[in-house]
């Protein structure tokens, strides 16, 4: 149980860091208002990845196969944009910042959780 809370906090930190990195590339396109918003966003994205992502991956399997897995990046960006629609205080403007944010969020989250 304690490990789950640690991963949740680390994913919230990853959201904050992702907002900083994406904001350097696309100004005012990816914002997280505060740490509480990042905690809610990490929870919502975790729920979306648990319940909705497997269904969408199965439905988009043919196009994912044709693009050699690159459509997975698009799917991750769409799910991040969906999470931003549910979380007040998480603002993602545009599709490209959402895809880039999903990639950066994945990398930062993997790095942070590697040491736990």
PDB file of N, CA and C in Angstrom:
ATOM      1  N   UNK A   1       0.819  -1.191   0.000  1.00  0.00           N
ATOM      2  CA  UNK A   1       0.000   0.000   0.000  1.00  0.00           C
ATOM      3  C   UNK A   1       0.867   1.260   0.000  1.00  0.00           C
ATOM      4  N   UNK A   2       1.933   1.226   0.788  1.00  0.00           N
ATOM      5  CA  UNK A   2       2.826   2.381   0.877  1.00  0.00           C
ATOM      6  C   UNK A   2       3.530   2.611  -0.457  1.00  0.00           C
ATOM      7  N   UNK A   3       3.882   1.526  -1.143  1.00  0.00           N
ATOM      8  CA  UNK A   3       4.533   1.642  -2.447  1.00  0.00           C
ATOM      9  C   UNK A   3       3.628   2.287  -3.481  1.00  0.00           C
ATOM     10  N   UNK A   4       2.328   2.012  -3.393  1.00  0.00           N
ATOM     11  CA  UNK A   4       1.362   2.610  -4.301  1.00  0.00           C
ATOM     12  C   UNK A   4       1.294   4.125  -4.102  1.00  0.00           C
ATOM     13  N   UNK A   5       1.324   4.562  -2.859  1.00  0.00           N
ATOM     14  CA  UNK A   5       1.298   5.997  -2.553  1.00  0.00           C
ATOM     15  C   UNK A   5       2.579   6.664  -3.052  1.00  0.00           C
ATOM     16  N   UNK A   6       3.706   6.001  -2.888  1.00  0.00           N
ATOM     17  CA  UNK A   6       4.987   6.549  -3.368  1.00  0.00           C
ATOM     18  C   UNK A   6       4.958   6.698  -4.883  1.00  0.00           C
ATOM     19  N   UNK A   7       4.451   5.699  -5.600  1.00  0.00           N
ATOM     20  CA  UNK A   7       4.363   5.782  -7.056  1.00  0.00           C
ATOM     21  C   UNK A   7       3.395   6.893  -7.491  1.00  0.00           C
ATOM     22  N   UNK A   8       2.331   7.069  -6.747  1.00  0.00           N
ATOM     23  CA  UNK A   8       1.374   8.118  -7.055  1.00  0.00           C
ATOM     24  C   UNK A   8       2.029   9.500  -6.906  1.00  0.00           C
ATOM     25  N   UNK A   9       2.780   9.695  -5.829  1.00  0.00           N
ATOM     26  CA  UNK A   9       3.481  10.970  -5.609  1.00  0.00           C
ATOM     27  C   UNK A   9       4.542  11.181  -6.688  1.00  0.00           C
ATOM     28  N   UNK A  10       5.269  10.134  -7.045  1.00  0.00           N
ATOM     29  CA  UNK A  10       6.288  10.270  -8.079  1.00  0.00           C
ATOM     30  C   UNK A  10       5.675  10.590  -9.445  1.00  0.00           C
ATOM     31  N   UNK A  11       4.527  10.018  -9.736  1.00  0.00           N
ATOM     32  CA  UNK A  11       3.850  10.355 -10.986  1.00  0.00           C
ATOM     33  C   UNK A  11       3.353  11.798 -10.978  1.00  0.00           C
ATOM     34  N   UNK A  12       2.950  12.294  -9.823  1.00  0.00           N
ATOM     35  CA  UNK A  12       2.562  13.704  -9.724  1.00  0.00           C
ATOM     36  C   UNK A  12       3.769  14.611  -9.946  1.00  0.00           C
ATOM     37  N   UNK A  13       4.904  14.228  -9.393  1.00  0.00           N
ATOM     38  CA  UNK A  13       6.147  14.987  -9.634  1.00  0.00           C
ATOM     39  C   UNK A  13       6.506  14.932 -11.118  1.00  0.00           C
ATOM     40  N   UNK A  14       6.291  13.782 -11.739  1.00  0.00           N
ATOM     41  CA  UNK A  14       6.550  13.650 -13.176  1.00  0.00           C
ATOM     42  C   UNK A  14       5.640  14.581 -13.977  1.00  0.00           C
ATOM     43  N   UNK A  15       4.403  14.763 -13.551  1.00  0.00           N
ATOM     44  CA  UNK A  15       3.506  15.704 -14.223  1.00  0.00           C
ATOM     45  C   UNK A  15       4.052  17.127 -14.135  1.00  0.00           C
ATOM     46  N   UNK A  16       4.519  17.515 -12.968  1.00  0.00           N
ATOM     47  CA  UNK A  16       5.073  18.869 -12.788  1.00  0.00           C
ATOM     48  C   UNK A  16       6.297  19.059 -13.679  1.00  0.00           C
ATOM     49  N   UNK A  17       7.202  18.092 -13.683  1.00  0.00           N
ATOM     50  CA  UNK A  17       8.410  18.192 -14.505  1.00  0.00           C
ATOM     51  C   UNK A  17       8.074  18.180 -16.000  1.00  0.00           C
ATOM     52  N   UNK A  18       7.102  17.388 -16.389  1.00  0.00           N
ATOM     53  CA  UNK A  18       6.684  17.346 -17.788  1.00  0.00           C
ATOM     54  C   UNK A  18       6.133  18.692 -18.223  1.00  0.00           C
ATOM     55  N   UNK A  19       5.355  19.320 -17.354  1.00  0.00           N
ATOM     56  CA  UNK A  19       4.811  20.644 -17.686  1.00  0.00           C
ATOM     57  C   UNK A  19       5.936  21.649 -17.901  1.00  0.00           C
ATOM     58  N   UNK A  20       6.982  21.565 -17.093  1.00  0.00           N
ATOM     59  CA  UNK A  20       8.120  22.486 -17.247  1.00  0.00           C
ATOM     60  C   UNK A  20       8.849  22.241 -18.571  1.00  0.00           C
ATOM     61  N   UNK A  21       9.081  20.975 -18.915  1.00  0.00           N
ATOM     62  CA  UNK A  21       9.819  20.644 -20.134  1.00  0.00           C
ATOM     63  C   UNK A  21       9.015  21.002 -21.383  1.00  0.00           C
ATOM     64  N   UNK A  22       7.758  20.629 -21.415  1.00  0.00           N
ATOM     65  CA  UNK A  22       6.923  20.912 -22.589  1.00  0.00           C
ATOM     66  C   UNK A  22       6.718  22.418 -22.738  1.00  0.00           C
ATOM     67  N   UNK A  23       6.642  23.127 -21.621  1.00  0.00           N
ATOM     68  CA  UNK A  23       6.476  24.575 -21.677  1.00  0.00           C
ATOM     69  C   UNK A  23       7.694  25.262 -22.295  1.00  0.00           C
ATOM     70  N   UNK A  24       8.865  24.670 -22.163  1.00  0.00           N
ATOM     71  CA  UNK A  24      10.053  25.233 -22.804  1.00  0.00           C
ATOM     72  C   UNK A  24       9.988  25.073 -24.319  1.00  0.00           C
ATOM     73  N   UNK A  25       9.367  24.008 -24.796  1.00  0.00           N
ATOM     74  CA  UNK A  25       9.294  23.746 -26.231  1.00  0.00           C
ATOM     75  C   UNK A  25       8.081  24.437 -26.855  1.00  0.00           C
ATOM     76  N   UNK A  26       6.916  24.261 -26.230  1.00  0.00           N
ATOM     77  CA  UNK A  26       5.673  24.894 -26.679  1.00  0.00           C
ATOM     78  C   UNK A  26       5.161  25.785 -25.549  1.00  0.00           C
ATOM     79  N   UNK A  27       5.487  27.065 -25.574  1.00  0.00           N
ATOM     80  CA  UNK A  27       5.068  27.935 -24.453  1.00  0.00           C
ATOM     81  C   UNK A  27       3.549  27.985 -24.297  1.00  0.00           C
ATOM     82  N   UNK A  28       3.109  27.951 -23.049  1.00  0.00           N
ATOM     83  CA  UNK A  28       1.706  28.046 -22.642  1.00  0.00           C
ATOM     84  C   UNK A  28       0.823  26.952 -23.234  1.00  0.00           C
ATOM     85  N   UNK A  29       1.393  25.787 -23.482  1.00  0.00           N
ATOM     86  CA  UNK A  29       0.593  24.713 -24.058  1.00  0.00           C
ATOM     87  C   UNK A  29       0.315  23.572 -23.076  1.00  0.00           C
ATOM     88  N   UNK A  30       1.096  23.449 -22.036  1.00  0.00           N
ATOM     89  CA  UNK A  30       0.946  22.355 -21.065  1.00  0.00           C
ATOM     90  C   UNK A  30       1.173  22.961 -19.689  1.00  0.00           C
ATOM     91  N   UNK A  31       0.093  23.067 -18.908  1.00  0.00           N
ATOM     92  CA  UNK A  31       0.208  23.687 -17.592  1.00  0.00           C
ATOM     93  C   UNK A  31      -0.437  22.819 -16.528  1.00  0.00           C
ATOM     94  N   UNK A  32       0.218  22.766 -15.390  1.00  0.00           N
ATOM     95  CA  UNK A  32      -0.338  22.137 -14.193  1.00  0.00           C
ATOM     96  C   UNK A  32      -0.328  23.222 -13.127  1.00  0.00           C
ATOM     97  N   UNK A  33      -1.494  23.540 -12.583  1.00  0.00           N
ATOM     98  CA  UNK A  33      -1.599  24.694 -11.693  1.00  0.00           C
ATOM     99  C   UNK A  33      -0.848  24.520 -10.378  1.00  0.00           C
ATOM    100  N   UNK A  34      -0.988  23.374  -9.727  1.00  0.00           N
ATOM    101  CA  UNK A  34      -0.290  23.158  -8.456  1.00  0.00           C
ATOM    102  C   UNK A  34      -0.089  21.659  -8.239  1.00  0.00           C
ATOM    103  N   UNK A  35       0.513  21.318  -7.104  1.00  0.00           N
ATOM    104  CA  UNK A  35       0.827  19.917  -6.845  1.00  0.00           C
ATOM    105  C   UNK A  35      -0.439  19.088  -6.607  1.00  0.00           C
ATOM    106  N   UNK A  36      -1.460  19.691  -6.014  1.00  0.00           N
ATOM    107  CA  UNK A  36      -2.726  18.977  -5.820  1.00  0.00           C
ATOM    108  C   UNK A  36      -3.358  18.596  -7.153  1.00  0.00           C
ATOM    109  N   UNK A  37      -3.274  19.500  -8.116  1.00  0.00           N
ATOM    110  CA  UNK A  37      -3.763  19.197  -9.456  1.00  0.00           C
ATOM    111  C   UNK A  37      -2.964  18.069 -10.078  1.00  0.00           C
ATOM    112  N   UNK A  38      -1.655  18.079  -9.850  1.00  0.00           N
ATOM    113  CA  UNK A  38      -0.801  17.010 -10.380  1.00  0.00           C
ATOM    114  C   UNK A  38      -1.157  15.666  -9.750  1.00  0.00           C
ATOM    115  N   UNK A  39      -1.500  15.673  -8.464  1.00  0.00           N
ATOM    116  CA  UNK A  39      -1.901  14.427  -7.800  1.00  0.00           C
ATOM    117  C   UNK A  39      -3.205  13.895  -8.403  1.00  0.00           C
ATOM    118  N   UNK A  40      -4.172  14.778  -8.626  1.00  0.00           N
ATOM    119  CA  UNK A  40      -5.445  14.356  -9.220  1.00  0.00           C
ATOM    120  C   UNK A  40      -5.217  13.882 -10.655  1.00  0.00           C
ATOM    121  N   UNK A  41      -4.371  14.595 -11.397  1.00  0.00           N
ATOM    122  CA  UNK A  41      -4.084  14.214 -12.783  1.00  0.00           C
ATOM    123  C   UNK A  41      -3.414  12.844 -12.844  1.00  0.00           C
ATOM    124  N   UNK A  42      -2.494  12.574 -11.926  1.00  0.00           N
ATOM    125  CA  UNK A  42      -1.842  11.270 -11.901  1.00  0.00           C
ATOM    126  C   UNK A  42      -2.849  10.164 -11.599  1.00  0.00           C
ATOM    127  N   UNK A  43      -3.777  10.440 -10.700  1.00  0.00           N
ATOM    128  CA  UNK A  43      -4.812   9.458 -10.372  1.00  0.00           C
ATOM    129  C   UNK A  43      -5.747   9.215 -11.562  1.00  0.00           C
ATOM    130  N   UNK A  44      -6.195  10.285 -12.195  1.00  0.00           N
ATOM    131  CA  UNK A  44      -7.116  10.156 -13.327  1.00  0.00           C
ATOM    132  C   UNK A  44      -6.426   9.450 -14.500  1.00  0.00           C
ATOM    133  N   UNK A  45      -5.186   9.823 -14.782  1.00  0.00           N
ATOM    134  CA  UNK A  45      -4.466   9.164 -15.873  1.00  0.00           C
ATOM    135  C   UNK A  45      -4.233   7.687 -15.560  1.00  0.00           C
ATOM    136  N   UNK A  46      -3.970   7.376 -14.312  1.00  0.00           N
ATOM    137  CA  UNK A  46      -3.825   5.974 -13.929  1.00  0.00           C
ATOM    138  C   UNK A  46      -5.107   5.185 -14.130  1.00  0.00           C
ATOM    139  N   UNK A  47      -6.238   5.787 -13.788  1.00  0.00           N
ATOM    140  CA  UNK A  47      -7.527   5.121 -13.998  1.00  0.00           C
ATOM    141  C   UNK A  47      -7.842   4.966 -15.482  1.00  0.00           C
ATOM    142  N   UNK A  48      -7.540   5.992 -16.268  1.00  0.00           N
ATOM    143  CA  UNK A  48      -7.760   5.910 -17.716  1.00  0.00           C
ATOM    144  C   UNK A  48      -6.884   4.822 -18.316  1.00  0.00           C
ATOM    145  N   UNK A  49      -5.624   4.773 -17.896  1.00  0.00           N
ATOM    146  CA  UNK A  49      -4.711   3.749 -18.422  1.00  0.00           C
ATOM    147  C   UNK A  49      -5.110   2.348 -17.984  1.00  0.00           C
ATOM    148  N   UNK A  50      -5.776   2.237 -16.857  1.00  0.00           N
ATOM    149  CA  UNK A  50      -6.198   0.932 -16.375  1.00  0.00           C
ATOM    150  C   UNK A  50      -7.454   0.421 -17.077  1.00  0.00           C
ATOM    151  N   UNK A  51      -8.422   1.305 -17.291  1.00  0.00           N
ATOM    152  CA  UNK A  51      -9.717   0.852 -17.787  1.00  0.00           C
ATOM    153  C   UNK A  51      -9.959   1.127 -19.274  1.00  0.00           C
ATOM    154  N   UNK A  52      -9.527   2.254 -19.773  1.00  0.00           N
ATOM    155  CA  UNK A  52      -9.850   2.634 -21.153  1.00  0.00           C
ATOM    156  C   UNK A  52      -8.748   2.237 -22.132  1.00  0.00           C
ATOM    157  N   UNK A  53      -7.498   2.376 -21.745  1.00  0.00           N
ATOM    158  CA  UNK A  53      -6.384   2.126 -22.657  1.00  0.00           C
ATOM    159  C   UNK A  53      -6.355   0.698 -23.224  1.00  0.00           C
ATOM    160  N   UNK A  54      -6.597  -0.349 -22.434  1.00  0.00           N
ATOM    161  CA  UNK A  54      -6.576  -1.699 -23.021  1.00  0.00           C
ATOM    162  C   UNK A  54      -7.627  -1.901 -24.115  1.00  0.00           C
ATOM    163  N   UNK A  55      -8.791  -1.311 -23.915  1.00  0.00           N
ATOM    164  CA  UNK A  55      -9.850  -1.438 -24.923  1.00  0.00           C
ATOM    165  C   UNK A  55      -9.440  -0.707 -26.203  1.00  0.00           C
ATOM    166  N   UNK A  56      -8.913   0.504 -26.055  1.00  0.00           N
ATOM    167  CA  UNK A  56      -8.488   1.268 -27.229  1.00  0.00           C
ATOM    168  C   UNK A  56      -7.300   0.621 -27.937  1.00  0.00           C
ATOM    169  N   UNK A  57      -6.397   0.020 -27.172  1.00  0.00           N
ATOM    170  CA  UNK A  57      -5.274  -0.672 -27.803  1.00  0.00           C
ATOM    171  C   UNK A  57      -5.757  -1.857 -28.625  1.00  0.00           C
ATOM    172  N   UNK A  58      -6.744  -2.556 -28.126  1.00  0.00           N
ATOM    173  CA  UNK A  58      -7.299  -3.681 -28.878  1.00  0.00           C
ATOM    174  C   UNK A  58      -8.026  -3.215 -30.139  1.00  0.00           C
ATOM    175  N   UNK A  59      -8.783  -2.123 -30.019  1.00  0.00           N
ATOM    176  CA  UNK A  59      -9.514  -1.603 -31.172  1.00  0.00           C
ATOM    177  C   UNK A  59      -8.585  -1.027 -32.243  1.00  0.00           C
ATOM    178  N   UNK A  60      -7.468  -0.462 -31.824  1.00  0.00           N
ATOM    179  CA  UNK A  60      -6.542   0.157 -32.775  1.00  0.00           C
ATOM    180  C   UNK A  60      -5.377  -0.756 -33.135  1.00  0.00           C
ATOM    181  N   UNK A  61      -5.506  -2.030 -32.839  1.00  0.00           N
ATOM    182  CA  UNK A  61      -4.417  -2.969 -33.132  1.00  0.00           C
ATOM    183  C   UNK A  61      -4.030  -3.006 -34.613  1.00  0.00           C
ATOM    184  N   UNK A  62      -4.988  -3.010 -35.551  1.00  0.00           N
ATOM    185  CA  UNK A  62      -4.566  -3.030 -36.965  1.00  0.00           C
ATOM    186  C   UNK A  62      -3.755  -1.800 -37.377  1.00  0.00           C
ATOM    187  N   UNK A  63      -4.203  -0.604 -36.975  1.00  0.00           N
ATOM    188  CA  UNK A  63      -3.450   0.594 -37.349  1.00  0.00           C
ATOM    189  C   UNK A  63      -2.125   0.664 -36.604  1.00  0.00           C
ATOM    190  N   UNK A  64      -2.096   0.150 -35.405  1.00  0.00           N
ATOM    191  CA  UNK A  64      -0.843   0.099 -34.652  1.00  0.00           C
ATOM    192  C   UNK A  64       0.142  -0.861 -35.331  1.00  0.00           C
ATOM    193  N   UNK A  65      -0.370  -1.939 -35.865  1.00  0.00           N
ATOM    194  CA  UNK A  65       0.465  -2.898 -36.588  1.00  0.00           C
ATOM    195  C   UNK A  65       1.020  -2.272 -37.867  1.00  0.00           C
ATOM    196  N   UNK A  66       0.159  -1.546 -38.595  1.00  0.00           N
ATOM    197  CA  UNK A  66       0.591  -0.916 -39.846  1.00  0.00           C
ATOM    198  C   UNK A  66       1.626   0.183 -39.631  1.00  0.00           C
ATOM    199  N   UNK A  67       1.543   0.872 -38.523  1.00  0.00           N
ATOM    200  CA  UNK A  67       2.491   1.955 -38.246  1.00  0.00           C
ATOM    201  C   UNK A  67       3.683   1.497 -37.408  1.00  0.00           C
ATOM    202  N   UNK A  68       3.809   0.187 -37.255  1.00  0.00           N
ATOM    203  CA  UNK A  68       4.910  -0.408 -36.484  1.00  0.00           C
ATOM    204  C   UNK A  68       4.965   0.112 -35.046  1.00  0.00           C
ATOM    205  N   UNK A  69       3.796   0.322 -34.466  1.00  0.00           N
ATOM    206  CA  UNK A  69       3.702   0.720 -33.066  1.00  0.00           C
ATOM    207  C   UNK A  69       3.720   2.209 -32.817  1.00  0.00           C
ATOM    208  N   UNK A  70       3.938   3.014 -33.839  1.00  0.00           N
ATOM    209  CA  UNK A  70       4.001   4.455 -33.629  1.00  0.00           C
ATOM    210  C   UNK A  70       2.641   5.063 -33.300  1.00  0.00           C
ATOM    211  N   UNK A  71       1.571   4.386 -33.669  1.00  0.00           N
ATOM    212  CA  UNK A  71       0.250   4.894 -33.311  1.00  0.00           C
ATOM    213  C   UNK A  71       0.057   4.866 -31.797  1.00  0.00           C
ATOM    214  N   UNK A  72       0.831   4.075 -31.091  1.00  0.00           N
ATOM    215  CA  UNK A  72       0.773   4.068 -29.632  1.00  0.00           C
ATOM    216  C   UNK A  72       1.093   5.426 -29.046  1.00  0.00           C
ATOM    217  N   UNK A  73       1.982   6.176 -29.690  1.00  0.00           N
ATOM    218  CA  UNK A  73       2.293   7.534 -29.228  1.00  0.00           C
ATOM    219  C   UNK A  73       1.071   8.438 -29.370  1.00  0.00           C
ATOM    220  N   UNK A  74       0.377   8.298 -30.496  1.00  0.00           N
ATOM    221  CA  UNK A  74      -0.836   9.081 -30.717  1.00  0.00           C
ATOM    222  C   UNK A  74      -1.895   8.717 -29.677  1.00  0.00           C
ATOM    223  N   UNK A  75      -2.041   7.433 -29.417  1.00  0.00           N
ATOM    224  CA  UNK A  75      -3.015   6.973 -28.431  1.00  0.00           C
ATOM    225  C   UNK A  75      -2.684   7.514 -27.043  1.00  0.00           C
ATOM    226  N   UNK A  76      -1.417   7.504 -26.673  1.00  0.00           N
ATOM    227  CA  UNK A  76      -1.012   8.040 -25.374  1.00  0.00           C
ATOM    228  C   UNK A  76      -1.311   9.535 -25.282  1.00  0.00           C
ATOM    229  N   UNK A  77      -1.068  10.267 -26.370  1.00  0.00           N
ATOM    230  CA  UNK A  77      -1.385  11.689 -26.379  1.00  0.00           C
ATOM    231  C   UNK A  77      -2.875  11.940 -26.239  1.00  0.00           C
ATOM    232  N   UNK A  78      -3.690  11.131 -26.934  1.00  0.00           N
ATOM    233  CA  UNK A  78      -5.143  11.272 -26.815  1.00  0.00           C
ATOM    234  C   UNK A  78      -5.633  10.981 -25.397  1.00  0.00           C
ATOM    235  N   UNK A  79      -5.056   9.984 -24.763  1.00  0.00           N
ATOM    236  CA  UNK A  79      -5.468   9.654 -23.396  1.00  0.00           C
ATOM    237  C   UNK A  79      -5.030  10.730 -22.411  1.00  0.00           C
ATOM    238  N   UNK A  80      -3.874  11.330 -22.644  1.00  0.00           N
ATOM    239  CA  UNK A  80      -3.432  12.438 -21.787  1.00  0.00           C
ATOM    240  C   UNK A  80      -4.351  13.645 -21.975  1.00  0.00           C
ATOM    241  N   UNK A  81      -4.741  13.896 -23.216  1.00  0.00           N
ATOM    242  CA  UNK A  81      -5.678  14.995 -23.493  1.00  0.00           C
ATOM    243  C   UNK A  81      -7.040  14.704 -22.861  1.00  0.00           C
ATOM    244  N   UNK A  82      -7.458  13.445 -22.870  1.00  0.00           N
ATOM    245  CA  UNK A  82      -8.704  13.056 -22.211  1.00  0.00           C
ATOM    246  C   UNK A  82      -8.620  13.304 -20.706  1.00  0.00           C
ATOM    247  N   UNK A  83      -7.492  12.959 -20.111  1.00  0.00           N
ATOM    248  CA  UNK A  83      -7.308  13.200 -18.676  1.00  0.00           C
ATOM    249  C   UNK A  83      -7.363  14.694 -18.369  1.00  0.00           C
ATOM    250  N   UNK A  84      -6.802  15.507 -19.265  1.00  0.00           N
ATOM    251  CA  UNK A  84      -6.841  16.954 -19.056  1.00  0.00           C
ATOM    252  C   UNK A  84      -8.261  17.487 -19.117  1.00  0.00           C
ATOM    253  N   UNK A  85      -9.117  16.810 -19.857  1.00  0.00           N
ATOM    254  CA  UNK A  85     -10.511  17.216 -19.912  1.00  0.00           C
ATOM    255  C   UNK A  85     -11.256  16.954 -18.613  1.00  0.00           C
ATOM    256  N   UNK A  86     -10.810  15.983 -17.839  1.00  0.00           N
ATOM    257  CA  UNK A  86     -11.473  15.643 -16.584  1.00  0.00           C
ATOM    258  C   UNK A  86     -10.895  16.375 -15.371  1.00  0.00           C
ATOM    259  N   UNK A  87      -9.661  16.860 -15.486  1.00  0.00           N
ATOM    260  CA  UNK A  87      -8.980  17.448 -14.328  1.00  0.00           C
ATOM    261  C   UNK A  87      -8.943  18.969 -14.471  1.00  0.00           C
ATOM    262  N   UNK A  88      -9.666  19.674 -13.607  1.00  0.00           N
ATOM    263  CA  UNK A  88      -9.550  21.134 -13.649  1.00  0.00           C
ATOM    264  C   UNK A  88      -8.173  21.557 -13.140  1.00  0.00           C
ATOM    265  N   UNK A  89      -7.544  22.445 -13.855  1.00  0.00           N
ATOM    266  CA  UNK A  89      -6.201  22.879 -13.472  1.00  0.00           C
ATOM    267  C   UNK A  89      -5.118  22.242 -14.306  1.00  0.00           C
ATOM    268  N   UNK A  90      -5.451  21.239 -15.091  1.00  0.00           N
ATOM    269  CA  UNK A  90      -4.514  20.642 -16.035  1.00  0.00           C
ATOM    270  C   UNK A  90      -4.942  21.108 -17.421  1.00  0.00           C
ATOM    271  N   UNK A  91      -4.091  21.924 -18.037  1.00  0.00           N
ATOM    272  CA  UNK A  91      -4.425  22.530 -19.325  1.00  0.00           C
ATOM    273  C   UNK A  91      -3.431  22.064 -20.381  1.00  0.00           C
ATOM    274  N   UNK A  92      -3.945  21.424 -21.422  1.00  0.00           N
ATOM    275  CA  UNK A  92      -3.127  21.007 -22.559  1.00  0.00           C
ATOM    276  C   UNK A  92      -3.779  21.598 -23.798  1.00  0.00           C
ATOM    277  N   UNK A  93      -3.060  22.490 -24.466  1.00  0.00           N
ATOM    278  CA  UNK A  93      -3.584  23.170 -25.641  1.00  0.00           C
ATOM    279  C   UNK A  93      -2.893  22.595 -26.869  1.00  0.00           C
ATOM    280  N   UNK A  94      -3.627  21.853 -27.668  1.00  0.00           N
ATOM    281  CA  UNK A  94      -3.081  21.302 -28.897  1.00  0.00           C
ATOM    282  C   UNK A  94      -2.775  19.818 -28.787  1.00  0.00           C
ATOM    283  N   UNK A  95      -2.722  19.211 -29.957  1.00  0.00           N
ATOM    284  CA  UNK A  95      -2.488  17.778 -30.012  1.00  0.00           C
ATOM    285  C   UNK A  95      -0.994  17.444 -29.896  1.00  0.00           C
ATOM    286  N   UNK A  96      -0.146  18.211 -30.564  1.00  0.00           N
ATOM    287  CA  UNK A  96       1.294  17.943 -30.524  1.00  0.00           C
ATOM    288  C   UNK A  96       1.874  18.083 -29.114  1.00  0.00           C
ATOM    289  N   UNK A  97       1.512  19.108 -28.353  1.00  0.00           N
ATOM    290  CA  UNK A  97       1.974  19.144 -26.958  1.00  0.00           C
ATOM    291  C   UNK A  97       1.475  17.962 -26.128  1.00  0.00           C
ATOM    292  N   UNK A  98       0.283  17.446 -26.452  1.00  0.00           N
ATOM    293  CA  UNK A  98      -0.238  16.287 -25.717  1.00  0.00           C
ATOM    294  C   UNK A  98       0.594  15.047 -26.015  1.00  0.00           C
ATOM    295  N   UNK A  99       0.945  14.840 -27.287  1.00  0.00           N
ATOM    296  CA  UNK A  99       1.763  13.674 -27.653  1.00  0.00           C
ATOM    297  C   UNK A  99       3.164  13.809 -27.061  1.00  0.00           C
ATOM    298  N   UNK A 100       3.761  14.998 -27.202  1.00  0.00           N
ATOM    299  CA  UNK A 100       5.091  15.218 -26.626  1.00  0.00           C
ATOM    300  C   UNK A 100       5.052  15.082 -25.110  1.00  0.00           C
ATOM    301  N   UNK A 101       3.995  15.605 -24.496  1.00  0.00           N
ATOM    302  CA  UNK A 101       3.846  15.487 -23.048  1.00  0.00           C
ATOM    303  C   UNK A 101       3.708  14.042 -22.608  1.00  0.00           C
ATOM    304  N   UNK A 102       2.999  13.231 -23.386  1.00  0.00           N
ATOM    305  CA  UNK A 102       2.849  11.812 -23.040  1.00  0.00           C
ATOM    306  C   UNK A 102       4.191  11.093 -23.106  1.00  0.00           C
ATOM    307  N   UNK A 103       4.987  11.420 -24.117  1.00  0.00           N
ATOM    308  CA  UNK A 103       6.309  10.784 -24.244  1.00  0.00           C
ATOM    309  C   UNK A 103       7.212  11.212 -23.093  1.00  0.00           C
ATOM    310  N   UNK A 104       7.249  12.511 -22.825  1.00  0.00           N
ATOM    311  CA  UNK A 104       8.117  13.021 -21.756  1.00  0.00           C
ATOM    312  C   UNK A 104       7.638  12.523 -20.395  1.00  0.00           C
ATOM    313  N   UNK A 105       6.324  12.489 -20.187  1.00  0.00           N
ATOM    314  CA  UNK A 105       5.774  11.978 -18.928  1.00  0.00           C
ATOM    315  C   UNK A 105       6.159  10.520 -18.720  1.00  0.00           C
ATOM    316  N   UNK A 106       6.120   9.744 -19.769  1.00  0.00           N
ATOM    317  CA  UNK A 106       6.499   8.344 -19.677  1.00  0.00           C
ATOM    318  C   UNK A 106       7.974   8.185 -19.305  1.00  0.00           C
ATOM    319  N   UNK A 107       8.819   8.970 -19.947  1.00  0.00           N
ATOM    320  CA  UNK A 107      10.262   8.878 -19.679  1.00  0.00           C
ATOM    321  C   UNK A 107      10.579   9.319 -18.255  1.00  0.00           C
ATOM    322  N   UNK A 108      10.039  10.463 -17.851  1.00  0.00           N
ATOM    323  CA  UNK A 108      10.317  10.977 -16.504  1.00  0.00           C
ATOM    324  C   UNK A 108       9.754  10.032 -15.443  1.00  0.00           C
ATOM    325  N   UNK A 109       8.552   9.537 -15.651  1.00  0.00           N
ATOM    326  CA  UNK A 109       7.945   8.618 -14.691  1.00  0.00           C
ATOM    327  C   UNK A 109       8.762   7.329 -14.577  1.00  0.00           C
ATOM    328  N   UNK A 110       9.254   6.841 -15.705  1.00  0.00           N
ATOM    329  CA  UNK A 110      10.080   5.628 -15.679  1.00  0.00           C
ATOM    330  C   UNK A 110      11.382   5.863 -14.922  1.00  0.00           C
ATOM    331  N   UNK A 111      11.990   7.015 -15.139  1.00  0.00           N
ATOM    332  CA  UNK A 111      13.241   7.334 -14.438  1.00  0.00           C
ATOM    333  C   UNK A 111      12.997   7.462 -12.941  1.00  0.00           C
ATOM    334  N   UNK A 112      11.933   8.160 -12.556  1.00  0.00           N
ATOM    335  CA  UNK A 112      11.659   8.360 -11.127  1.00  0.00           C
ATOM    336  C   UNK A 112      11.292   7.066 -10.422  1.00  0.00           C
ATOM    337  N   UNK A 113      10.508   6.220 -11.066  1.00  0.00           N
ATOM    338  CA  UNK A 113      10.089   4.977 -10.404  1.00  0.00           C
ATOM    339  C   UNK A 113      11.149   3.883 -10.494  1.00  0.00           C
ATOM    340  N   UNK A 114      12.173   4.082 -11.302  1.00  0.00           N
ATOM    341  CA  UNK A 114      13.244   3.086 -11.383  1.00  0.00           C
ATOM    342  C   UNK A 114      13.991   2.967 -10.058  1.00  0.00           C
ATOM    343  N   UNK A 115      14.107   4.056  -9.331  1.00  0.00           N
ATOM    344  CA  UNK A 115      14.880   4.043  -8.102  1.00  0.00           C
ATOM    345  C   UNK A 115      14.062   3.662  -6.870  1.00  0.00           C
ATOM    346  N   UNK A 116      12.788   3.382  -7.053  1.00  0.00           N
ATOM    347  CA  UNK A 116      11.941   3.005  -5.906  1.00  0.00           C
ATOM    348  C   UNK A 116      11.776   1.511  -5.859  1.00  0.00           C
TER     349      UNK A 116
END
